[in-house]
C-alpha cells in the first residue's frame, strides 16, 4: 500500500456521465491485481472530506514500461463531478492498491465474466490479466446496462479476443432484459469453470443463485460505501452467510468474495 500525489494524464468521457481517468503513479502500483482498488481524494480540499473508493480499471504501460493506472467512473455525486472536471496535470491524492483480488487458476479455461453498469470497471483489468495465462477466446463476457447509452467497454473486450454478449433493459442494444437471463441460457449450453461478477446487488444476487444452482464457483466484487479503505472505520460491513451474526468488511476481506460466503 502506498499513498502518493498522482498526476492526471487523461480524463475522457466514454458515455454520458461516464469517464475513464488516468493517473501517473509509482511503479508499486504495477503489482496491483484485478479486483483491488484505490482510495482517492482531492489534495488538501475538505469537500468532499472523505476519500472515495474506485476499482482499478487498467494498468497503463508505454513501450513495455509501467506508466500508471486508470479508473472508470460514473458521475453520481460531488466527488465524481469534481473528478470529471480534472484536466491533464491536476494532482489527486491516492492510496492503494487496497483489498484482495480475483482468484485465478490455470485450471480455469472456460471463464464467464459478468458485469452490470459501471461494474465493468474491474472486469477489464481481470480480462487483461487472464490473457497472460488463458486462451482468451474461450472466455465469455456478459455486459448488462440500462440502455445503449450506458454500455461500456464492449469494444475493449472484443479487442482482447473475447466473446461478448450484451443486454439492455430497454432493448436499445443487444438482447432486451437482464444480463443474468442470457447468462443462464449460456450456462446450459456451455458450462464454465468459474464465473466472475461485478455490479449492483440486484444483479449479484441472482448471479449467486444461478452459480449455486449449477454448481459453478463464483467470485463477486461488491460495490459498497467505504470511508477509509483500510479497516479502521468498519463502515463497509458485509453480512457473512456461512457464520450467522458475523460481519466481514469489504475493504479488508474483500471487495472480492466467494458468492456463497456473503448475504447479497
Protein backbone atom coordinates (compact mmCIF):
# COMPACT_ATOMS: atom_id res chain seq x y z
CA UNK A 1 0.00 0.00 0.00
CA UNK A 2 1.27 3.43 -0.92
CA UNK A 3 -0.05 6.97 -0.56
CA UNK A 4 1.04 9.50 -3.14
CA UNK A 5 0.15 12.56 -5.16
CA UNK A 6 -0.70 11.20 -8.58
CA UNK A 7 -0.77 13.37 -11.69
CA UNK A 8 -3.71 13.17 -14.10
CA UNK A 9 -2.60 12.49 -17.67
CA UNK A 10 -6.01 11.99 -19.30
CA UNK A 11 -9.70 12.17 -18.47
CA UNK A 12 -12.03 11.11 -21.26
CA UNK A 13 -15.81 10.82 -21.40
CA UNK A 14 -16.80 7.39 -22.77
CA UNK A 15 -20.56 7.69 -22.48
CA UNK A 16 -22.97 10.23 -20.95
CA UNK A 17 -21.65 10.90 -17.40
CA UNK A 18 -19.13 8.02 -17.62
CA UNK A 19 -15.41 8.73 -17.73
CA UNK A 20 -12.04 6.99 -17.80
CA UNK A 21 -9.30 8.88 -15.94
CA UNK A 22 -5.60 8.02 -15.97
CA UNK A 23 -3.01 8.74 -13.26
CA UNK A 24 0.77 8.63 -13.45
CA UNK A 25 1.91 6.85 -10.30
CA UNK A 26 4.69 4.88 -8.63
CA UNK A 27 5.79 1.55 -10.05
CA UNK A 28 4.44 -0.11 -6.88
CA UNK A 29 1.01 0.14 -8.46
CA UNK A 30 2.19 -2.11 -11.29
CA UNK A 31 1.87 -5.00 -8.83
CA UNK A 32 -1.86 -4.42 -8.40
CA UNK A 33 -4.15 -7.35 -9.18
CA UNK A 34 -7.66 -7.41 -10.67
CA UNK A 35 -10.28 -6.57 -8.06
CA UNK A 36 -8.10 -4.26 -6.00
CA UNK A 37 -8.97 -0.60 -5.60
CA UNK A 38 -7.63 2.82 -4.66
CA UNK A 39 -8.97 5.45 -2.26
CA UNK A 40 -8.96 8.93 -3.75
CA UNK A 41 -9.26 12.50 -2.51
CA UNK A 42 -8.58 15.93 -3.94
CA UNK A 43 -5.34 17.04 -2.31
CA UNK A 44 -5.90 19.46 0.56
CA UNK A 45 -9.54 20.16 -0.22
CA UNK A 46 -12.02 19.37 2.55
CA UNK A 47 -15.02 18.99 0.23
CA UNK A 48 -15.54 16.11 -0.13
CA UNK A 49 -13.87 15.38 3.21
CA UNK A 50 -13.59 11.60 2.99
CA UNK A 51 -11.80 9.55 0.38
CA UNK A 52 -13.78 7.58 -2.18
CA UNK A 53 -13.07 4.03 -3.41
CA UNK A 54 -12.54 3.26 -7.10
CA UNK A 55 -11.71 -0.09 -8.68
CA UNK A 56 -8.51 -0.22 -10.69
CA UNK A 57 -9.74 -0.40 -14.28
CA UNK A 58 -6.48 -0.86 -16.20
CA UNK A 59 -2.73 -0.69 -15.77
CA UNK A 60 -1.15 1.52 -18.42
CA UNK A 61 2.21 0.76 -20.00
CA UNK A 62 4.20 2.56 -22.66
CA UNK A 63 6.89 0.75 -24.64
CA UNK A 64 6.73 -2.02 -22.05
CA UNK A 65 7.27 0.28 -19.07
CA UNK A 66 4.66 0.94 -16.40
CA UNK A 67 3.15 4.41 -16.75
CA UNK A 68 0.17 4.50 -14.41
CA UNK A 69 -3.35 3.27 -13.87
CA UNK A 70 -6.86 4.09 -14.97
CA UNK A 71 -10.16 4.35 -13.14
CA UNK A 72 -13.58 4.07 -14.77
CA UNK A 73 -16.30 6.06 -13.03
CA UNK A 74 -19.79 7.49 -13.40
CA UNK A 75 -20.76 10.96 -12.22
CA UNK A 76 -23.22 10.42 -9.37
CA UNK A 77 -22.23 12.96 -6.68
CA UNK A 78 -19.89 15.77 -5.66
CA UNK A 79 -16.70 13.70 -5.75
CA UNK A 80 -17.25 12.20 -9.19
CA UNK A 81 -18.44 15.55 -10.50
CA UNK A 82 -15.14 17.13 -9.39
CA UNK A 83 -13.27 14.19 -10.87
CA UNK A 84 -14.95 14.73 -14.24
CA UNK A 85 -13.61 18.29 -14.30
CA UNK A 86 -9.98 17.25 -13.78
CA UNK A 87 -7.58 18.01 -16.60
CA UNK A 88 -4.08 16.88 -17.52
CA UNK A 89 -1.58 17.93 -14.86
CA UNK A 90 -4.04 18.05 -11.94
CA UNK A 91 -2.91 16.30 -8.76
CA UNK A 92 -5.02 13.65 -6.99
CA UNK A 93 -4.12 12.07 -3.64
CA UNK A 94 -4.44 8.28 -3.85
CA UNK A 95 -3.84 5.31 -1.55
CA UNK A 96 -3.51 1.79 -2.89
CA UNK A 97 -3.56 -0.86 -4.11
CA UNK A 98 -6.09 -1.98 -1.46
CA UNK A 99 -8.25 -5.03 -0.83
CA UNK A 100 -8.00 -8.55 -2.17
CA UNK A 101 -8.26 -9.72 -5.77
CA UNK A 102 -9.99 -12.23 -8.02
CA UNK A 103 -8.59 -15.73 -7.61
CA UNK A 104 -7.39 -17.12 -10.93
CA UNK A 105 -6.07 -20.55 -11.88
CA UNK A 106 -4.51 -22.28 -14.87
CA UNK A 107 -7.32 -24.83 -14.46
CA UNK A 108 -9.92 -22.20 -15.34
CA UNK A 109 -10.04 -22.43 -19.11
CA UNK A 110 -13.69 -21.69 -19.76
CA UNK A 111 -14.38 -18.42 -17.92
CA UNK A 112 -17.54 -16.33 -17.75
CA UNK A 113 -17.25 -12.65 -16.78
CA UNK A 114 -20.46 -10.84 -15.84
CA UNK A 115 -20.63 -7.06 -15.49
CA UNK A 116 -23.53 -4.73 -14.76
CA UNK A 117 -23.27 -0.98 -15.45
CA UNK A 118 -20.10 0.57 -14.06
CA UNK A 119 -19.39 -2.83 -12.51
CA UNK A 120 -17.49 -3.43 -15.73
CA UNK A 121 -14.63 -1.34 -14.25
CA UNK A 122 -12.51 -4.09 -12.61
CA UNK A 123 -13.51 -6.70 -15.17
CA UNK A 124 -11.44 -5.26 -18.00
CA UNK A 125 -8.38 -5.45 -15.73
CA UNK A 126 -9.32 -9.06 -14.98
CA UNK A 127 -9.69 -9.89 -18.67
CA UNK A 128 -6.26 -8.41 -19.46
CA UNK A 129 -4.76 -10.40 -16.59
CA UNK A 130 -6.37 -13.66 -17.78
CA UNK A 131 -4.98 -13.08 -21.25
CA UNK A 132 -1.48 -13.84 -19.94
CA UNK A 133 -2.23 -17.46 -18.96
CA UNK A 134 -5.58 -18.37 -20.52
CA UNK A 135 -6.90 -18.99 -24.01
CA UNK A 136 -8.88 -15.77 -24.04
CA UNK A 137 -11.02 -16.95 -26.96
CA UNK A 138 -12.65 -19.39 -24.54
CA UNK A 139 -13.63 -16.57 -22.18
CA UNK A 140 -17.07 -15.03 -22.49
CA UNK A 141 -18.18 -11.61 -21.25
CA UNK A 142 -21.76 -10.70 -20.41
CA UNK A 143 -22.42 -6.95 -20.10
CA UNK A 144 -25.72 -5.57 -18.85
CA UNK A 145 -26.82 -1.94 -18.88
CA UNK A 146 -29.97 0.14 -18.78
CA UNK A 147 -29.63 1.30 -22.39
CA UNK A 148 -27.11 1.60 -25.21
CA UNK A 149 -26.08 4.96 -23.75
CA UNK A 150 -24.83 3.23 -20.58
CA UNK A 151 -23.00 0.46 -22.39
CA UNK A 152 -19.29 0.45 -21.52
CA UNK A 153 -16.13 -1.34 -22.66
CA UNK A 154 -17.68 -3.69 -25.22
CA UNK A 155 -15.02 -2.87 -27.83
CA UNK A 156 -12.22 -3.28 -25.27
CA UNK A 157 -13.24 -6.88 -24.60
CA UNK A 158 -13.66 -7.61 -28.30
CA UNK A 159 -10.15 -6.30 -28.98
CA UNK A 160 -8.84 -8.82 -26.45
CA UNK A 161 -10.48 -11.57 -28.50
CA UNK A 162 -13.29 -12.46 -26.08
CA UNK A 163 -16.86 -13.38 -26.94
CA UNK A 164 -19.24 -10.65 -25.76
CA UNK A 165 -22.98 -10.79 -25.07
CA UNK A 166 -24.92 -7.58 -24.47
CA UNK A 167 -28.24 -6.99 -22.71
CA UNK A 168 -30.07 -3.73 -22.11
CA UNK A 169 -33.18 -3.23 -20.04
CA UNK A 170 -34.84 -1.15 -22.76
CA UNK A 171 -33.68 -3.31 -25.67
CA UNK A 172 -31.76 -0.48 -27.35
CA UNK A 173 -28.66 -2.70 -27.72
CA UNK A 174 -28.19 -6.46 -27.67
CA UNK A 175 -30.91 -8.56 -26.12
CA UNK A 176 -33.68 -6.92 -24.10
CA UNK A 177 -33.75 -7.96 -20.46
CA UNK A 178 -31.32 -8.66 -17.64
CA UNK A 179 -27.79 -9.93 -18.06
CA UNK A 180 -28.44 -12.89 -15.75
CA UNK A 181 -31.14 -14.17 -18.15
CA UNK A 182 -28.74 -14.63 -21.06
CA UNK A 183 -26.11 -15.92 -18.64
CA UNK A 184 -28.29 -18.82 -17.52
CA UNK A 185 -29.14 -19.69 -21.12
CA UNK A 186 -25.43 -19.77 -21.96
CA UNK A 187 -24.59 -21.94 -18.94
CA UNK A 188 -27.00 -24.61 -20.17
CA UNK A 189 -25.09 -24.74 -23.47
CA UNK A 190 -21.58 -24.20 -22.18
CA UNK A 191 -20.83 -24.95 -18.53
CA UNK A 192 -18.00 -22.61 -17.35
CA UNK A 193 -15.22 -23.47 -14.93
CA UNK A 194 -15.82 -20.26 -12.95
CA UNK A 195 -17.91 -17.10 -13.03
CA UNK A 196 -16.56 -13.67 -12.08
CA UNK A 197 -19.05 -10.87 -11.47
CA UNK A 198 -19.27 -7.20 -10.53
CA UNK A 199 -22.26 -4.90 -10.49
CA UNK A 200 -25.20 -3.77 -8.38
CA UNK A 201 -26.60 -6.11 -5.72
CA UNK A 202 -29.74 -6.53 -7.84
CA UNK A 203 -27.52 -8.31 -10.38
CA UNK A 204 -25.17 -10.13 -8.00
CA UNK A 205 -27.96 -11.76 -6.01
CA UNK A 206 -29.44 -13.74 -8.95
CA UNK A 207 -25.91 -14.37 -10.21
CA UNK A 208 -25.06 -16.07 -6.91
CA UNK A 209 -28.25 -18.15 -7.06
CA UNK A 210 -27.58 -19.25 -10.63
CA UNK A 211 -23.99 -20.23 -9.91
CA UNK A 212 -25.07 -22.26 -6.89
CA UNK A 213 -27.88 -23.91 -8.84
CA UNK A 214 -25.43 -25.11 -11.50
CA UNK A 215 -22.58 -25.82 -9.02
CA UNK A 216 -20.21 -23.29 -10.58
CA UNK A 217 -17.60 -21.46 -8.47
CA UNK A 218 -18.43 -17.76 -8.43
CA UNK A 219 -16.39 -14.81 -7.21
CA UNK A 220 -18.02 -11.39 -7.00
CA UNK A 221 -16.67 -7.90 -6.41
CA UNK A 222 -19.20 -5.93 -4.41
CA UNK A 223 -19.99 -2.23 -4.61
CA UNK A 224 -20.26 -0.63 -1.18
CA UNK A 225 -19.67 2.65 0.61
CA UNK A 226 -16.23 2.98 2.23
CA UNK A 227 -14.84 5.77 4.38
CA UNK A 228 -11.24 4.69 4.96
CA UNK A 229 -10.45 1.62 2.84
CA UNK A 230 -8.05 0.16 5.41
CA UNK A 231 -10.33 -1.37 8.06
CA UNK A 232 -10.30 1.48 10.57
CA UNK A 233 -13.87 2.79 10.29
CA UNK A 234 -15.65 -0.59 9.90
CA UNK A 235 -18.26 1.15 7.74
CA UNK A 236 -18.22 -1.35 4.87
CA UNK A 237 -19.65 -4.31 6.81
CA UNK A 238 -20.95 -7.28 4.83
CA UNK A 239 -23.01 -10.00 6.49
CA UNK A 240 -21.46 -13.44 6.40
CA UNK A 241 -23.62 -16.25 5.06
CA UNK A 242 -21.51 -19.07 6.49
CA UNK A 243 -21.29 -17.77 10.05
CA UNK A 244 -24.52 -16.24 11.43
CA UNK A 245 -24.19 -12.80 13.01
CA UNK A 246 -20.60 -12.45 11.75
CA UNK A 247 -19.69 -9.47 9.60
CA UNK A 248 -16.91 -9.21 7.07
CA UNK A 249 -15.52 -5.96 5.72
CA UNK A 250 -15.30 -5.14 2.04
CA UNK A 251 -12.02 -3.22 2.33
CA UNK A 252 -10.08 -5.99 4.10
CA UNK A 253 -11.91 -9.28 3.46
CA UNK A 254 -13.00 -8.10 0.00
CA UNK A 255 -14.05 -6.42 -2.13
CA UNK A 256 -13.94 -9.80 -3.89
CA UNK A 257 -15.86 -12.60 -2.16
CA UNK A 258 -16.96 -16.13 -2.82
CA UNK A 259 -20.61 -15.58 -3.75
CA UNK A 260 -21.64 -18.33 -1.30
CA UNK A 261 -19.86 -16.64 1.60
CA UNK A 262 -21.89 -13.43 1.92
CA UNK A 263 -25.50 -12.34 2.04
CA UNK A 264 -26.35 -10.27 -1.01
